Amino acid sequence: MAQRFPGTTRQKLIRDARLVVVKIGSAVLTREGRLHRATINHLGADLAELRRTGRQVIVVSSGAVASGLKSLGLTGMPKAIVEKQAAAAVGQQVLLGAWSDVFRKAGVAIGQVLLTADDLDHRTRYLNARHTLQRLLHHGVVPIVNENDSVSFEEIRMGDNDHLSALVTTLVSAQLLVLLTNVDGLHAGGPDGPVIGEVTAGAAARAHVTGERSAAGTGGMITKLEAAELVGRSGIGAIIANGGKRNVLRRIIAGEAVGTFFHPTPSRLDPRRRWLATATRARGSLVVDAGARRAIVRRGASLLPSGILAVQGRFEAGAVVRICAEDGTAFARGLVSYAAEEIDRVRGKKGAELPAILGYRYVDEIVHRNDLVIEPGAE
């Protein structure tokens, strides 16, 4: 049975998109450790055409590490993070120079924005990144975004540019994310099946993929599905398409049935909760009893110390944590008012007991309801 998609159609969502984030993977941009200039040229022409239609564009470009491999005498993607950092330091200038050449011919200025996961974990830096991107767009500049691979290390890496592109999409409240890769879209039943034209991201979509990764990049189809799910939670549509095909972006914007379109789900998240839900990494977990779970999910209550059964991880006050049921299933995320050690001391107690146990009391709530967001499907 064909899947039904309530709400706005694919064509209308694409037609109404005024700000588009386009992520281009290493497998599209590079060949044998070198940038493929012909591909960059035709994608650059498409991106310039998008701007001529009145749309704003942000490009999330992979390829820095792969572009620097041969200069370092490397024959393949290194496993050691320090080797990737070195390759990125060499390759980033090559990559940006290639994009600069393409956009200069179209009379368009570009600006480089390098981000790490830490930049989006902290609310103030998250807003600073948002304001920078918005100001570049205001001045008609096309931001070229990449992870700051030359200084990132394992604890702060975003993992892949699919995830980064989804975070950037929600960061700037874009209306469409286009993920360009080296396949035509999500194939039904595996790589030999037909391309699925439209789908809602989730378990049904994941059943069609394995955990493969490309030789040039760090992601595979599964990371693209995760990106589509992440932006979908914020009411934003996503497309996976083949970036090696001529005029692919023009055809997408023209409404042609190119690639796989992921329908978004209606979003009720305000900007702050959107940041909590999508842009932050959980630093630990709080396991709560059934009563606390019901109060949070059904009544929108705050999390009090009396409902907490266990504390997992080490974190400070103000960190984002997962809130889990007794079976370990995460059903919410939130900002804690106390550090892990403090919460462990007061778990299972009433708020009035905090001063006697800790010697002080900031607030009664461990996580206030205004700092909570419920995970999809938990209601």
Protein backbone atom coordinates (compact mmCIF):
# COMPACT_ATOMS: atom_id res chain seq x y z
CA MET A 1 0.00 0.00 0.00
CA ALA A 2 1.34 3.43 -0.94
CA GLN A 3 2.23 5.69 1.96
CA ARG A 4 -0.03 8.69 2.50
CA PHE A 5 1.45 12.08 3.32
CA PRO A 6 -0.96 14.38 5.14
CA GLY A 7 -0.41 18.11 4.81
CA THR A 8 1.61 20.02 2.23
CA THR A 9 2.78 18.28 -0.96
CA ARG A 10 6.39 17.78 -1.98
CA GLN A 11 6.00 20.27 -4.83
CA LYS A 12 4.64 23.01 -2.58
CA LEU A 13 7.27 22.49 0.11
CA ILE A 14 10.03 22.81 -2.48
CA ARG A 15 8.39 25.72 -4.29
CA ASP A 16 7.96 27.67 -1.04
CA ALA A 17 11.51 27.05 0.21
CA ARG A 18 13.29 30.41 0.30
CA LEU A 19 16.38 29.24 2.22
CA VAL A 20 17.97 25.96 1.12
CA VAL A 21 20.89 24.10 2.69
CA VAL A 22 22.80 21.92 0.21
CA LYS A 23 25.18 19.31 1.58
CA ILE A 24 27.66 17.85 -0.91
CA GLY A 25 29.56 14.72 0.09
CA SER A 26 33.18 13.79 -0.47
CA ALA A 27 32.14 10.92 -2.75
CA VAL A 28 30.61 13.53 -5.09
CA LEU A 29 33.37 16.12 -4.95
CA THR A 30 36.52 14.01 -5.06
CA ARG A 31 38.15 11.36 -7.22
CA GLU A 32 41.17 9.43 -5.91
CA GLY A 33 42.02 12.03 -3.29
CA ARG A 34 41.63 15.03 -5.59
CA LEU A 35 38.82 17.49 -6.14
CA HIS A 36 36.82 16.76 -9.27
CA ARG A 37 36.66 20.22 -10.82
CA ALA A 38 34.05 19.33 -13.44
CA THR A 39 31.61 18.30 -10.71
CA ILE A 40 32.29 21.44 -8.68
CA ASN A 41 31.74 23.54 -11.81
CA HIS A 42 28.35 22.09 -12.65
CA LEU A 43 27.15 22.13 -9.05
CA GLY A 44 28.36 25.72 -8.69
CA ALA A 45 26.34 26.70 -11.77
CA ASP A 46 23.26 25.07 -10.25
CA LEU A 47 23.80 26.84 -6.93
CA ALA A 48 24.19 30.20 -8.65
CA GLU A 49 20.98 29.52 -10.57
CA LEU A 50 19.16 28.84 -7.29
CA ARG A 51 20.19 32.29 -6.09
CA ARG A 52 18.91 33.85 -9.31
CA THR A 53 15.47 32.41 -8.54
CA GLY A 54 15.41 34.53 -5.38
CA ARG A 55 16.43 31.81 -2.95
CA GLN A 56 19.19 31.96 -0.38
CA VAL A 57 21.68 29.10 -0.26
CA ILE A 58 24.06 27.66 2.32
CA VAL A 59 26.54 25.02 1.13
CA VAL A 60 27.82 22.37 3.53
CA SER A 61 30.81 21.05 1.66
CA SER A 62 32.75 17.92 2.46
CA GLY A 63 36.05 17.19 0.74
CA ALA A 64 38.67 19.00 2.84
CA VAL A 65 40.29 15.86 4.25
CA ALA A 66 40.12 13.97 0.94
CA SER A 67 41.59 17.01 -0.88
CA GLY A 68 44.66 16.97 1.33
CA LEU A 69 45.52 13.27 1.19
CA LYS A 70 47.90 13.25 -1.77
CA SER A 71 49.80 16.31 -0.57
CA LEU A 72 50.64 14.34 2.57
CA GLY A 73 51.55 11.21 0.62
CA LEU A 74 48.50 9.30 1.88
CA THR A 75 46.76 6.82 -0.39
CA GLY A 76 43.51 6.43 1.55
CA MET A 77 41.38 7.93 4.31
CA PRO A 78 43.46 7.79 7.53
CA LYS A 79 42.05 6.32 10.73
CA ALA A 80 44.08 8.46 13.13
CA ILE A 81 42.41 11.75 13.99
CA VAL A 82 45.73 13.65 13.87
CA GLU A 83 46.28 12.53 10.26
CA LYS A 84 42.78 13.71 9.35
CA GLN A 85 43.50 17.03 11.03
CA ALA A 86 46.68 17.45 8.99
CA ALA A 87 44.94 16.50 5.75
CA ALA A 88 42.12 18.94 6.50
CA ALA A 89 44.57 21.77 7.18
CA VAL A 90 46.09 21.24 3.72
CA GLY A 91 42.87 20.39 1.89
CA GLN A 92 40.59 23.10 3.29
CA GLN A 93 42.33 25.86 1.33
CA VAL A 94 42.16 23.77 -1.84
CA LEU A 95 38.45 23.16 -1.35
CA LEU A 96 37.60 26.79 -0.60
CA GLY A 97 39.69 27.96 -3.54
CA ALA A 98 37.72 25.71 -5.87
CA TRP A 99 34.39 27.04 -4.63
CA SER A 100 35.69 30.60 -4.80
CA ASP A 101 36.68 30.14 -8.46
CA VAL A 102 33.23 28.80 -9.37
CA PHE A 103 31.21 31.47 -7.58
CA ARG A 104 33.47 34.30 -8.72
CA LYS A 105 32.51 33.53 -12.33
CA ALA A 106 28.87 33.97 -11.32
CA GLY A 107 29.60 37.26 -9.53
CA VAL A 108 28.82 35.78 -6.09
CA ALA A 109 30.91 36.21 -2.94
CA ILE A 110 31.45 33.29 -0.56
CA GLY A 111 32.37 33.11 3.11
CA GLN A 112 33.92 30.24 5.00
CA VAL A 113 32.32 29.08 8.27
CA LEU A 114 34.05 26.24 10.17
CA LEU A 115 32.17 24.68 13.08
CA THR A 116 32.74 22.08 15.77
CA ALA A 117 30.14 20.26 17.84
CA ASP A 118 31.08 22.48 20.81
CA ASP A 119 29.97 25.55 18.85
CA LEU A 120 26.42 24.20 18.69
CA ASP A 121 26.30 22.57 22.14
CA HIS A 122 26.52 25.91 23.93
CA ARG A 123 23.49 28.12 23.55
CA THR A 124 25.45 31.41 23.28
CA ARG A 125 27.84 30.07 20.62
CA TYR A 126 24.91 28.45 18.82
CA LEU A 127 23.23 31.86 18.58
CA ASN A 128 26.50 33.49 17.49
CA ALA A 129 26.82 30.97 14.65
CA ARG A 130 23.21 31.62 13.67
CA HIS A 131 23.73 35.38 13.60
CA THR A 132 26.92 35.07 11.53
CA LEU A 133 25.21 32.92 8.90
CA GLN A 134 22.18 35.20 8.79
CA ARG A 135 24.37 38.28 8.32
CA LEU A 136 26.31 36.64 5.48
CA LEU A 137 23.04 35.78 3.74
CA HIS A 138 21.77 39.33 4.30
CA HIS A 139 24.80 40.64 2.39
CA GLY A 140 24.27 38.22 -0.49
CA VAL A 141 27.20 35.99 0.49
CA VAL A 142 26.98 32.20 0.09
CA PRO A 143 28.32 30.56 3.28
CA ILE A 144 30.51 27.51 2.67
CA VAL A 145 30.27 25.47 5.86
CA ASN A 146 32.43 22.56 6.97
CA GLU A 147 33.38 20.88 10.20
CA ASN A 148 36.59 22.34 11.59
CA ASP A 149 38.47 19.07 11.05
CA SER A 150 41.90 20.61 11.55
CA VAL A 151 41.23 21.27 15.27
CA SER A 152 38.42 18.81 16.08
CA PHE A 153 39.18 15.80 18.20
CA GLU A 154 37.20 12.67 18.97
CA GLU A 155 35.18 14.06 21.88
CA ILE A 156 33.83 17.04 19.93
CA ARG A 157 33.51 15.66 16.40
CA MET A 158 30.06 15.78 14.84
CA GLY A 159 30.87 12.54 13.05
CA ASP A 160 29.93 13.43 9.50
CA ASN A 161 28.71 16.35 7.43
CA ASP A 162 25.25 14.82 7.04
CA HIS A 163 24.68 15.54 10.72
CA LEU A 164 26.36 18.93 10.44
CA SER A 165 24.12 19.91 7.52
CA ALA A 166 21.01 18.95 9.51
CA LEU A 167 22.19 21.05 12.46
CA VAL A 168 22.89 24.02 10.17
CA THR A 169 19.44 23.62 8.59
CA THR A 170 17.69 23.86 11.95
CA LEU A 171 20.13 26.52 13.14
CA VAL A 172 19.08 28.98 10.41
CA SER A 173 15.45 27.76 10.14
CA ALA A 174 15.88 26.81 6.48
CA GLN A 175 12.91 25.26 4.67
CA LEU A 176 14.72 22.52 2.75
CA LEU A 177 17.82 20.32 3.13
CA VAL A 178 19.29 18.71 0.01
CA LEU A 179 21.80 15.91 0.58
CA LEU A 180 23.82 15.22 -2.56
CA THR A 181 25.58 11.88 -2.64
CA ASN A 182 26.73 9.29 -5.19
CA VAL A 183 23.45 7.32 -5.31
CA ASP A 184 20.09 8.27 -6.79
CA GLY A 185 18.21 8.19 -3.50
CA LEU A 186 16.87 5.68 -0.99
CA HIS A 187 16.39 2.35 -2.76
CA ALA A 188 13.56 0.05 -1.75
CA GLY A 189 14.87 -3.15 -0.17
CA GLY A 190 18.53 -2.27 -0.72
CA PRO A 191 20.81 -0.83 -3.41
CA ASP A 192 19.36 -2.93 -6.24
CA GLY A 193 15.75 -1.86 -5.67
CA PRO A 194 13.89 1.07 -7.23
CA VAL A 195 14.31 4.57 -5.81
CA ILE A 196 11.63 5.51 -3.29
CA GLY A 197 10.16 8.82 -4.44
CA GLU A 198 8.62 10.00 -1.16
CA VAL A 199 8.78 8.72 2.39
CA THR A 200 8.66 9.82 6.01
CA ALA A 201 11.98 9.18 7.76
CA GLY A 202 11.93 6.61 10.55
CA ALA A 203 12.04 2.90 11.16
CA ALA A 204 10.35 2.04 7.85
CA ALA A 205 12.95 4.00 5.88
CA ARG A 206 15.87 2.56 7.88
CA ALA A 207 14.76 -0.98 7.00
CA HIS A 208 15.98 -0.33 3.44
CA VAL A 209 19.61 0.40 4.33
CA THR A 210 22.70 -1.12 5.90
CA GLY A 211 25.49 0.61 7.78
CA GLU A 212 27.75 1.04 4.74
CA ARG A 213 30.11 3.97 4.40
CA SER A 214 31.69 5.41 1.30
CA ALA A 215 35.44 5.19 0.72
CA ALA A 216 35.89 8.97 0.61
CA GLY A 217 33.47 10.01 3.32
CA THR A 218 32.55 9.14 6.91
CA GLY A 219 28.83 8.66 6.37
CA GLY A 220 26.56 6.27 4.55
CA MET A 221 22.85 6.18 3.78
CA ILE A 222 22.01 5.66 7.44
CA THR A 223 23.55 9.03 8.41
CA LYS A 224 21.51 10.70 5.70
CA LEU A 225 18.32 9.16 7.06
CA GLU A 226 19.29 10.43 10.51
CA ALA A 227 19.77 13.92 9.06
CA ALA A 228 16.36 13.76 7.36
CA GLU A 229 14.78 12.67 10.65
CA LEU A 230 16.46 15.46 12.58
CA VAL A 231 15.27 18.25 10.29
CA GLY A 232 11.88 16.58 9.92
CA ARG A 233 11.30 17.04 13.65
CA SER A 234 11.53 20.77 13.04
CA GLY A 235 9.01 20.66 10.18
CA ILE A 236 11.67 20.81 7.44
CA GLY A 237 11.71 18.62 4.32
CA ALA A 238 14.80 16.83 3.01
CA ILE A 239 15.91 15.28 -0.28
CA ILE A 240 18.60 12.70 -1.01
CA ALA A 241 19.76 12.79 -4.65
CA ASN A 242 22.71 12.01 -6.91
CA GLY A 243 25.07 14.98 -7.01
CA GLY A 244 26.98 13.57 -9.97
CA LYS A 245 24.08 14.10 -12.37
CA ARG A 246 23.91 17.28 -14.41
CA ASN A 247 21.45 19.99 -13.35
CA VAL A 248 20.31 17.95 -10.36
CA LEU A 249 19.59 21.00 -8.20
CA ARG A 250 17.75 22.81 -10.97
CA ARG A 251 15.58 19.77 -11.53
CA ILE A 252 14.82 19.44 -7.82
CA ILE A 253 13.78 23.07 -7.46
CA ALA A 254 11.74 22.79 -10.66
CA GLY A 255 9.66 20.14 -8.91
CA GLU A 256 10.83 17.10 -10.84
CA ALA A 257 10.66 13.72 -9.10
CA VAL A 258 14.41 13.54 -8.49
CA GLY A 259 15.84 11.49 -5.63
CA THR A 260 13.93 10.66 -2.45
CA PHE A 261 11.90 13.33 -0.66
CA PHE A 262 11.46 13.00 3.12
CA HIS A 263 8.27 14.57 4.36
CA PRO A 264 8.60 16.51 7.62
CA THR A 265 6.38 16.06 10.64
CA PRO A 266 4.42 19.03 12.03
CA SER A 267 6.57 20.83 14.57
CA ARG A 268 5.48 22.58 17.75
CA LEU A 269 9.00 23.29 18.94
CA ASP A 270 9.96 26.87 19.76
CA PRO A 271 13.54 27.91 18.86
CA ARG A 272 14.96 27.07 22.29
CA ARG A 273 13.39 23.63 22.42
CA ARG A 274 14.49 23.05 18.84
CA TRP A 275 18.06 23.64 20.00
CA LEU A 276 17.55 21.22 22.90
CA ALA A 277 16.07 18.56 20.63
CA THR A 278 18.48 18.75 17.72
CA ALA A 279 21.69 20.69 18.29
CA THR A 280 22.94 19.51 21.66
CA ARG A 281 24.66 16.33 22.80
CA ALA A 282 23.46 14.60 25.95
CA ARG A 283 26.14 14.47 28.66
CA GLY A 284 24.45 11.78 30.73
CA SER A 285 21.14 10.19 31.66
CA LEU A 286 18.58 10.28 34.46
CA VAL A 287 16.51 7.14 34.98
CA VAL A 288 13.07 7.92 36.40
CA ASP A 289 10.15 5.92 37.74
CA ALA A 290 6.85 5.32 35.94
CA GLY A 291 5.08 8.09 37.84
CA ALA A 292 7.64 10.70 36.86
CA ARG A 293 7.48 9.56 33.22
CA ARG A 294 3.68 9.90 33.16
CA ALA A 295 3.83 13.35 34.75
CA ILE A 296 6.41 14.60 32.24
CA VAL A 297 4.86 13.09 29.10
CA ARG A 298 1.15 13.48 29.84
CA ARG A 299 1.01 16.60 32.01
CA GLY A 300 4.11 18.49 30.90
CA ALA A 301 5.44 18.45 34.46
CA SER A 302 8.96 19.24 35.64
CA LEU A 303 11.28 16.48 36.83
CA LEU A 304 11.58 16.49 40.63
CA PRO A 305 14.23 14.63 42.64
CA SER A 306 11.62 12.27 44.09
CA GLY A 307 11.08 10.61 40.70
CA ILE A 308 14.74 9.88 39.94
CA LEU A 309 16.00 6.32 40.35
CA ALA A 310 19.56 6.56 38.98
CA VAL A 311 22.12 8.99 37.57
CA GLN A 312 24.37 7.94 34.69
CA GLY A 313 27.43 9.90 33.57
CA ARG A 314 29.32 12.89 34.92
CA PHE A 315 28.01 16.34 34.09
CA GLU A 316 27.72 19.83 35.50
CA ALA A 317 24.66 21.98 36.14
CA GLY A 318 23.28 23.31 32.86
CA ALA A 319 24.19 20.18 30.88
CA VAL A 320 21.75 18.44 28.57
CA VAL A 321 20.80 14.93 29.68
CA ARG A 322 18.59 12.13 28.45
CA ILE A 323 15.62 11.29 30.64
CA CYS A 324 14.98 7.54 30.54
CA ALA A 325 12.31 5.11 31.69
CA GLU A 326 13.23 2.21 33.95
CA ASP A 327 13.95 0.00 30.92
CA GLY A 328 16.54 2.49 29.70
CA THR A 329 14.46 3.95 26.85
CA ALA A 330 15.05 7.69 26.46
CA PHE A 331 11.77 9.61 26.23
CA ALA A 332 12.89 13.22 26.84
CA ARG A 333 15.87 15.56 26.97
CA GLY A 334 16.42 18.48 29.28
CA LEU A 335 18.78 20.93 30.99
CA VAL A 336 19.64 19.98 34.55
CA SER A 337 19.67 22.49 37.41
CA TYR A 338 22.23 20.49 39.42
CA ALA A 339 25.42 18.52 38.72
CA ALA A 340 25.40 14.72 38.52
CA GLU A 341 26.96 14.28 41.97
CA GLU A 342 24.33 16.56 43.54
CA ILE A 343 21.45 14.80 41.79
CA ASP A 344 22.74 11.41 42.92
CA ARG A 345 22.67 12.59 46.54
CA VAL A 346 19.08 13.88 46.40
CA ARG A 347 17.47 11.33 44.07
CA GLY A 348 14.29 9.87 45.54
CA LYS A 349 13.99 12.77 48.00
CA LYS A 350 11.48 15.61 48.23
CA GLY A 351 12.44 19.13 47.22
CA ALA A 352 12.09 20.36 50.82
CA GLU A 353 14.89 17.97 51.85
CA LEU A 354 17.49 19.48 49.50
CA PRO A 355 18.88 22.10 51.94
CA ALA A 356 19.46 19.47 54.63
CA ILE A 357 21.22 17.12 52.20
CA LEU A 358 23.20 19.58 50.08
CA GLY A 359 23.43 22.54 52.44
CA TYR A 360 21.70 24.72 49.84
CA ARG A 361 18.84 24.69 47.35
CA TYR A 362 18.87 26.48 44.00
CA VAL A 363 15.43 25.34 42.83
CA ASP A 364 13.17 22.37 43.58
CA GLU A 365 13.18 21.06 40.00
CA ILE A 366 16.03 18.93 38.71
CA VAL A 367 14.81 19.70 35.16
CA HIS A 368 12.23 22.45 34.78
CA ARG A 369 9.42 21.83 32.30
CA ASN A 370 10.50 24.89 30.30
CA ASP A 371 13.86 23.14 29.77
CA LEU A 372 12.33 19.83 28.61
CA VAL A 373 11.55 18.41 25.20
CA ILE A 374 9.77 15.09 24.63
CA GLU A 375 11.28 12.61 22.17
CA PRO A 376 9.18 11.69 19.09
CA GLY A 377 6.76 8.85 19.74
CA ALA A 378 7.02 9.12 23.53
CA GLU A 379 3.57 10.69 23.99
